[in-house]
Amino acid sequence: MQLFRMEGGGLIMKILICCGGGFSSSYVAMRMQKEIEERHLENQYQVDFLPFSLILEKIEEYDVIMLCPHLKMALTKLLNEHTLDKPIYLLPPRIYGMMTLDAIIEDGEDIINLFETHHKNPVVFPGEENLLRIKRNQSYRKTYGRIKPMDIRVFYSMNSDIHFIRETVFMKEQGFQNEFDEIDEHCTFVVLYIEDMPVATCRFYEKEGKWYIGRVCTLKEFRGHSYGTLVMQEAERKLHGQTDRLYLNAQVRASHFYETLGYKKTDIISDDEGVSHVLMYKEI
């Protein structure tokens, strides 16, 4: 975790809290800064506030930026217009109203680490894609435990880790018989590891001038943490600049998952071992 260096060589984590006008976040930041001083933590942490309109001017001065929840649309617009190299996090409504210094510090540390792993804004904790459904009122690590070390790797040929995930999910769990095909011979594969255990994967490939993503799956015991989303996003990142449209054949029962990632259905339906699939696409 890279933090700001103070004069004299010490490190300090600088947290910026923003709201629309700066007024509600100003009280929160002042309260937390006062607690920092009372606990003699000035050489470790700093919490400031600014109105959202000034974020581009000051972003380089901070390690992590936390926004009040009503700024979701404004943040989407900002990220469409600018590439920001600092982690930005939308505070869930419940947490914003009950923030404690310890929760902000612990979440801030984890947000920085997540951003350094995925380089994607806004930063989202595993399983917390929907702000309105987040019910915790303390830090993520105190609620769910520390985020386990995660690593996303790209491979240019089939290996035993990919084989294990797909055999477990598609053959043993879902009952497919013909899981591995000739397409695997010229695919690129993405695999997500938790503490060096392979838990999610997908593949992407070119066919007749079009790029496809497929075989997206996560081991059952690791679902609910957005790992499927993360391998999809890594595949999309790798294909950025090579094509302006991606395709995939989704199981109809799973098509809503892909719609949440921006994919749209076509009218083309196919059958794979008795399971209906729909062709979907996404502009990138």
Protein backbone atom coordinates (compact mmCIF):
# COMPACT_ATOMS: atom_id res chain seq x y z
CA MET A 1 0.00 0.00 0.00
CA GLN A 2 1.57 3.26 -1.16
CA LEU A 3 1.00 6.17 1.23
CA PHE A 4 2.05 9.79 1.28
CA ARG A 5 5.48 10.50 2.75
CA MET A 6 5.80 13.22 5.36
CA GLU A 7 8.76 15.45 5.99
CA GLY A 8 11.23 13.41 8.00
CA GLY A 9 10.45 10.18 6.19
CA GLY A 10 7.27 9.00 7.95
CA LEU A 11 4.18 7.76 6.11
CA ILE A 12 0.68 9.13 6.53
CA MET A 13 -2.60 7.98 5.00
CA LYS A 14 -4.54 10.97 3.69
CA ILE A 15 -8.29 10.46 3.33
CA LEU A 16 -10.55 12.90 1.50
CA ILE A 17 -14.31 12.85 2.13
CA CYS A 18 -16.51 14.65 -0.41
CA CYS A 19 -20.18 15.54 -0.69
CA GLY A 20 -22.06 17.77 -3.11
CA GLY A 21 -21.35 21.06 -1.39
CA GLY A 22 -18.84 19.99 1.19
CA PHE A 23 -21.10 20.78 4.14
CA SER A 24 -22.20 17.39 5.46
CA SER A 25 -18.78 15.86 4.89
CA SER A 26 -17.09 18.83 6.56
CA TYR A 27 -18.66 17.99 9.90
CA VAL A 28 -17.67 14.32 9.58
CA ALA A 29 -14.10 15.18 8.60
CA MET A 30 -13.71 17.72 11.40
CA ARG A 31 -15.03 15.25 13.95
CA MET A 32 -12.61 12.57 12.76
CA GLN A 33 -9.64 14.90 12.60
CA LYS A 34 -10.38 15.96 16.18
CA GLU A 35 -10.41 12.30 17.23
CA ILE A 36 -7.12 11.75 15.41
CA GLU A 37 -5.57 14.55 17.46
CA GLU A 38 -7.07 13.28 20.71
CA ARG A 39 -5.63 9.82 20.04
CA HIS A 40 -2.28 11.30 18.94
CA LEU A 41 -2.50 9.74 15.47
CA GLU A 42 -1.52 12.87 13.54
CA ASN A 43 1.61 11.21 12.19
CA GLN A 44 -0.41 8.30 10.76
CA TYR A 45 -3.72 9.65 9.45
CA GLN A 46 -5.32 12.79 8.07
CA VAL A 47 -9.00 13.26 7.17
CA ASP A 48 -10.10 16.28 5.12
CA PHE A 49 -13.25 17.34 3.29
CA LEU A 50 -13.95 19.14 0.03
CA PRO A 51 -16.97 19.76 -2.17
CA PHE A 52 -17.06 17.31 -5.07
CA SER A 53 -16.56 20.13 -7.58
CA LEU A 54 -12.94 20.53 -6.41
CA ILE A 55 -11.96 16.87 -6.57
CA LEU A 56 -9.90 17.14 -9.77
CA GLU A 57 -7.84 19.98 -8.33
CA LYS A 58 -6.94 18.15 -5.12
CA ILE A 59 -7.04 14.44 -5.91
CA GLU A 60 -3.26 14.04 -6.17
CA GLU A 61 -2.85 15.18 -2.57
CA TYR A 62 -4.71 12.17 -1.15
CA ASP A 63 -4.38 8.40 -0.94
CA VAL A 64 -8.08 7.57 -1.03
CA ILE A 65 -11.22 9.55 -1.82
CA MET A 66 -14.57 8.65 -0.25
CA LEU A 67 -17.80 10.10 -1.63
CA CYS A 68 -21.19 10.40 -0.02
CA PRO A 69 -23.72 8.07 -1.70
CA HIS A 70 -25.79 10.68 -3.56
CA LEU A 71 -22.78 11.44 -5.79
CA LYS A 72 -23.09 8.17 -7.71
CA MET A 73 -24.32 9.78 -10.95
CA ALA A 74 -21.82 12.62 -10.72
CA LEU A 75 -19.00 10.12 -10.22
CA THR A 76 -20.12 8.09 -13.25
CA LYS A 77 -19.97 11.25 -15.37
CA LEU A 78 -16.54 12.15 -13.96
CA LEU A 79 -15.09 8.71 -14.68
CA ASN A 80 -16.46 8.81 -18.23
CA GLU A 81 -14.53 12.03 -18.83
CA HIS A 82 -11.33 11.42 -16.83
CA THR A 83 -9.00 8.57 -15.94
CA LEU A 84 -8.18 8.88 -12.25
CA ASP A 85 -5.20 7.09 -10.71
CA LYS A 86 -6.36 7.32 -7.10
CA PRO A 87 -8.92 4.99 -5.50
CA ILE A 88 -12.44 6.39 -5.25
CA TYR A 89 -15.09 4.80 -3.09
CA LEU A 90 -18.80 5.49 -2.78
CA LEU A 91 -19.81 5.27 0.86
CA PRO A 92 -22.92 3.14 1.46
CA PRO A 93 -25.83 5.20 2.88
CA ARG A 94 -25.89 3.37 6.21
CA ILE A 95 -22.16 3.76 6.77
CA TYR A 96 -22.19 7.43 5.76
CA GLY A 97 -24.65 8.21 8.50
CA MET A 98 -22.77 6.26 11.19
CA MET A 99 -19.11 6.63 10.22
CA THR A 100 -16.46 6.07 12.85
CA LEU A 101 -12.80 6.88 12.52
CA ASP A 102 -11.74 3.25 12.89
CA ALA A 103 -14.16 2.12 10.16
CA ILE A 104 -12.96 4.82 7.76
CA ILE A 105 -9.30 3.98 8.38
CA GLU A 106 -9.78 0.22 8.00
CA ASP A 107 -11.93 0.55 4.90
CA GLY A 108 -9.48 3.12 3.52
CA GLU A 109 -6.57 0.71 3.83
CA ASP A 110 -8.52 -2.07 2.12
CA ILE A 111 -9.77 0.25 -0.63
CA ILE A 112 -6.19 1.27 -1.45
CA ASN A 113 -5.12 -2.38 -1.61
CA LEU A 114 -8.07 -3.33 -3.84
CA PHE A 115 -7.29 -0.47 -6.21
CA GLU A 116 -3.63 -1.47 -6.42
CA THR A 117 -4.78 -4.98 -7.43
CA HIS A 118 -7.48 -4.09 -9.97
CA HIS A 119 -6.84 -0.45 -10.95
CA LYS A 120 -10.57 0.14 -11.39
CA ASN A 121 -12.81 2.93 -10.12
CA PRO A 122 -15.02 3.15 -8.26
CA VAL A 123 -13.56 0.59 -5.88
CA VAL A 124 -16.14 -1.99 -4.77
CA PHE A 125 -15.77 -4.49 -1.95
CA PRO A 126 -16.57 -8.12 -2.85
CA GLY A 127 -20.31 -8.73 -2.67
CA GLU A 128 -21.18 -5.02 -2.28
CA GLU A 129 -22.04 -4.01 -5.84
CA ASN A 130 -25.45 -2.61 -4.81
CA LEU A 131 -25.02 0.30 -2.39
CA LEU A 132 -28.60 0.14 -1.18
CA ARG A 133 -28.26 -3.47 -0.07
CA ILE A 134 -25.22 -2.91 2.12
CA LYS A 135 -26.34 -3.23 5.73
CA ARG A 136 -23.06 -3.20 7.64
CA ASN A 137 -22.41 -0.28 9.96
CA GLN A 138 -18.74 -1.00 10.61
CA SER A 139 -15.70 -1.68 8.45
CA TYR A 140 -15.73 -4.43 5.84
CA ARG A 141 -13.01 -6.41 7.60
CA LYS A 142 -14.81 -6.29 10.94
CA THR A 143 -18.00 -7.52 9.26
CA TYR A 144 -16.63 -10.19 6.94
CA GLY A 145 -12.99 -10.62 7.91
CA ARG A 146 -9.94 -9.44 6.04
CA ILE A 147 -10.02 -9.65 2.27
CA LYS A 148 -8.02 -12.69 1.27
CA PRO A 149 -5.06 -12.16 -1.06
CA MET A 150 -6.35 -12.22 -4.62
CA ASP A 151 -4.49 -12.49 -7.88
CA ILE A 152 -5.71 -12.44 -11.49
CA ARG A 153 -3.50 -14.16 -14.04
CA VAL A 154 -3.66 -14.49 -17.81
CA PHE A 155 -2.64 -17.67 -19.64
CA TYR A 156 -2.27 -18.40 -23.31
CA SER A 157 -2.94 -22.13 -23.13
CA MET A 158 -5.09 -24.52 -21.11
CA ASN A 159 -3.67 -25.62 -17.77
CA SER A 160 -4.73 -27.80 -14.84
CA ASP A 161 -6.20 -24.86 -12.87
CA ILE A 162 -8.54 -23.86 -15.70
CA HIS A 163 -9.43 -27.49 -16.30
CA PHE A 164 -10.24 -28.01 -12.60
CA ILE A 165 -12.62 -25.03 -12.37
CA ARG A 166 -14.50 -25.79 -15.57
CA GLU A 167 -14.75 -29.51 -14.92
CA THR A 168 -16.08 -28.83 -11.40
CA VAL A 169 -18.66 -26.22 -12.46
CA PHE A 170 -19.80 -27.23 -15.92
CA MET A 171 -19.42 -31.02 -15.82
CA LYS A 172 -19.86 -32.10 -12.21
CA GLU A 173 -22.27 -29.37 -11.10
CA GLN A 174 -24.22 -28.56 -14.28
CA GLY A 175 -23.97 -31.88 -16.08
CA PHE A 176 -22.34 -30.90 -19.40
CA GLN A 177 -20.47 -33.71 -21.13
CA ASN A 178 -18.55 -31.88 -23.87
CA GLU A 179 -16.96 -29.07 -21.91
CA PHE A 180 -13.58 -28.91 -23.63
CA ASP A 181 -13.44 -28.14 -27.35
CA GLU A 182 -11.13 -27.15 -30.19
CA ILE A 183 -11.65 -23.46 -29.38
CA ASP A 184 -9.58 -23.99 -26.22
CA GLU A 185 -6.56 -24.57 -28.45
CA HIS A 186 -6.40 -20.90 -29.49
CA CYS A 187 -7.91 -19.06 -26.51
CA THR A 188 -6.55 -16.68 -23.94
CA PHE A 189 -7.64 -17.56 -20.41
CA VAL A 190 -8.17 -15.46 -17.29
CA VAL A 191 -7.98 -17.11 -13.87
CA LEU A 192 -8.65 -15.55 -10.47
CA TYR A 193 -6.82 -17.00 -7.47
CA ILE A 194 -7.60 -16.63 -3.78
CA GLU A 195 -4.54 -17.44 -1.70
CA ASP A 196 -3.15 -19.29 -4.75
CA MET A 197 -6.30 -21.40 -5.17
CA PRO A 198 -7.97 -21.09 -8.60
CA VAL A 199 -11.61 -20.10 -8.07
CA ALA A 200 -12.91 -18.36 -11.23
CA THR A 201 -12.08 -18.28 -14.92
CA CYS A 202 -13.16 -17.25 -18.41
CA ARG A 203 -11.70 -17.42 -21.89
CA PHE A 204 -11.68 -15.07 -24.87
CA TYR A 205 -10.95 -15.65 -28.54
CA GLU A 206 -11.45 -14.33 -32.06
CA LYS A 207 -13.75 -16.06 -34.52
CA GLU A 208 -14.52 -14.78 -38.01
CA GLY A 209 -13.37 -11.29 -37.12
CA LYS A 210 -15.39 -11.07 -33.90
CA TRP A 211 -14.15 -11.36 -30.33
CA TYR A 212 -15.97 -13.63 -27.89
CA ILE A 213 -15.82 -14.16 -24.13
CA GLY A 214 -16.98 -17.50 -22.79
CA ARG A 215 -16.83 -20.27 -20.21
CA VAL A 216 -17.28 -17.81 -17.36
CA CYS A 217 -17.56 -19.68 -14.08
CA THR A 218 -16.79 -19.56 -10.36
CA LEU A 219 -16.50 -22.43 -7.93
CA LYS A 220 -19.73 -22.70 -5.94
CA GLU A 221 -18.23 -22.03 -2.52
CA PHE A 222 -16.67 -18.77 -3.76
CA ARG A 223 -19.75 -17.22 -5.38
CA GLY A 224 -21.29 -13.99 -4.19
CA HIS A 225 -18.01 -12.06 -4.17
CA SER A 226 -18.00 -10.75 -7.77
CA TYR A 227 -15.14 -13.01 -8.88
CA GLY A 228 -16.96 -13.77 -12.15
CA THR A 229 -17.29 -10.05 -12.74
CA LEU A 230 -13.59 -9.52 -12.10
CA VAL A 231 -12.41 -12.13 -14.63
CA MET A 232 -14.84 -10.67 -17.18
CA GLN A 233 -13.49 -7.19 -16.57
CA GLU A 234 -9.91 -8.40 -16.97
CA ALA A 235 -10.80 -10.02 -20.30
CA GLU A 236 -12.48 -6.80 -21.44
CA ARG A 237 -9.43 -4.80 -20.38
CA LYS A 238 -7.16 -7.07 -22.42
CA LEU A 239 -9.38 -6.63 -25.47
CA HIS A 240 -9.69 -2.87 -25.18
CA GLY A 241 -8.33 -1.34 -28.37
CA GLN A 242 -8.59 -4.59 -30.35
CA THR A 243 -12.34 -4.40 -30.93
CA ASP A 244 -15.24 -2.09 -30.21
CA ARG A 245 -17.74 -4.89 -29.63
CA LEU A 246 -17.62 -8.11 -27.63
CA TYR A 247 -19.89 -11.13 -27.95
CA LEU A 248 -20.79 -14.04 -25.70
CA ASN A 249 -23.22 -16.95 -25.71
CA ALA A 250 -24.87 -16.90 -22.30
CA GLN A 251 -27.02 -19.54 -20.71
CA VAL A 252 -30.47 -17.96 -20.79
CA ARG A 253 -30.87 -18.55 -17.05
CA ALA A 254 -27.67 -16.58 -16.42
CA SER A 255 -28.26 -13.76 -18.92
CA HIS A 256 -29.23 -11.23 -16.22
CA PHE A 257 -25.70 -11.45 -14.78
CA TYR A 258 -24.27 -10.34 -18.11
CA GLU A 259 -26.88 -7.60 -18.47
CA THR A 260 -25.62 -6.10 -15.20
CA LEU A 261 -22.20 -5.87 -16.89
CA GLY A 262 -23.60 -3.97 -19.87
CA TYR A 263 -24.29 -6.81 -22.31
CA LYS A 264 -27.44 -6.77 -24.44
CA LYS A 265 -29.44 -9.71 -25.74
CA THR A 266 -29.95 -10.46 -29.40
CA ASP A 267 -32.71 -12.62 -30.88
CA ILE A 268 -30.26 -15.43 -31.62
CA ILE A 269 -30.92 -18.49 -29.45
CA SER A 270 -28.86 -21.69 -29.62
CA ASP A 271 -28.84 -25.03 -27.84
CA ASP A 272 -25.86 -26.61 -26.11
CA GLU A 273 -26.52 -30.08 -24.70
CA GLY A 274 -30.15 -29.21 -24.06
CA VAL A 275 -29.43 -25.85 -22.42
CA SER A 276 -30.68 -22.70 -24.16
CA HIS A 277 -28.11 -19.97 -24.83
CA VAL A 278 -28.64 -16.42 -26.06
CA LEU A 279 -26.10 -14.40 -28.04
CA MET A 280 -25.26 -11.15 -26.27
CA TYR A 281 -23.00 -8.22 -27.11
CA LYS A 282 -21.41 -5.16 -25.52
CA GLU A 283 -19.86 -2.03 -26.97
CA ILE A 284 -16.49 -1.24 -25.42
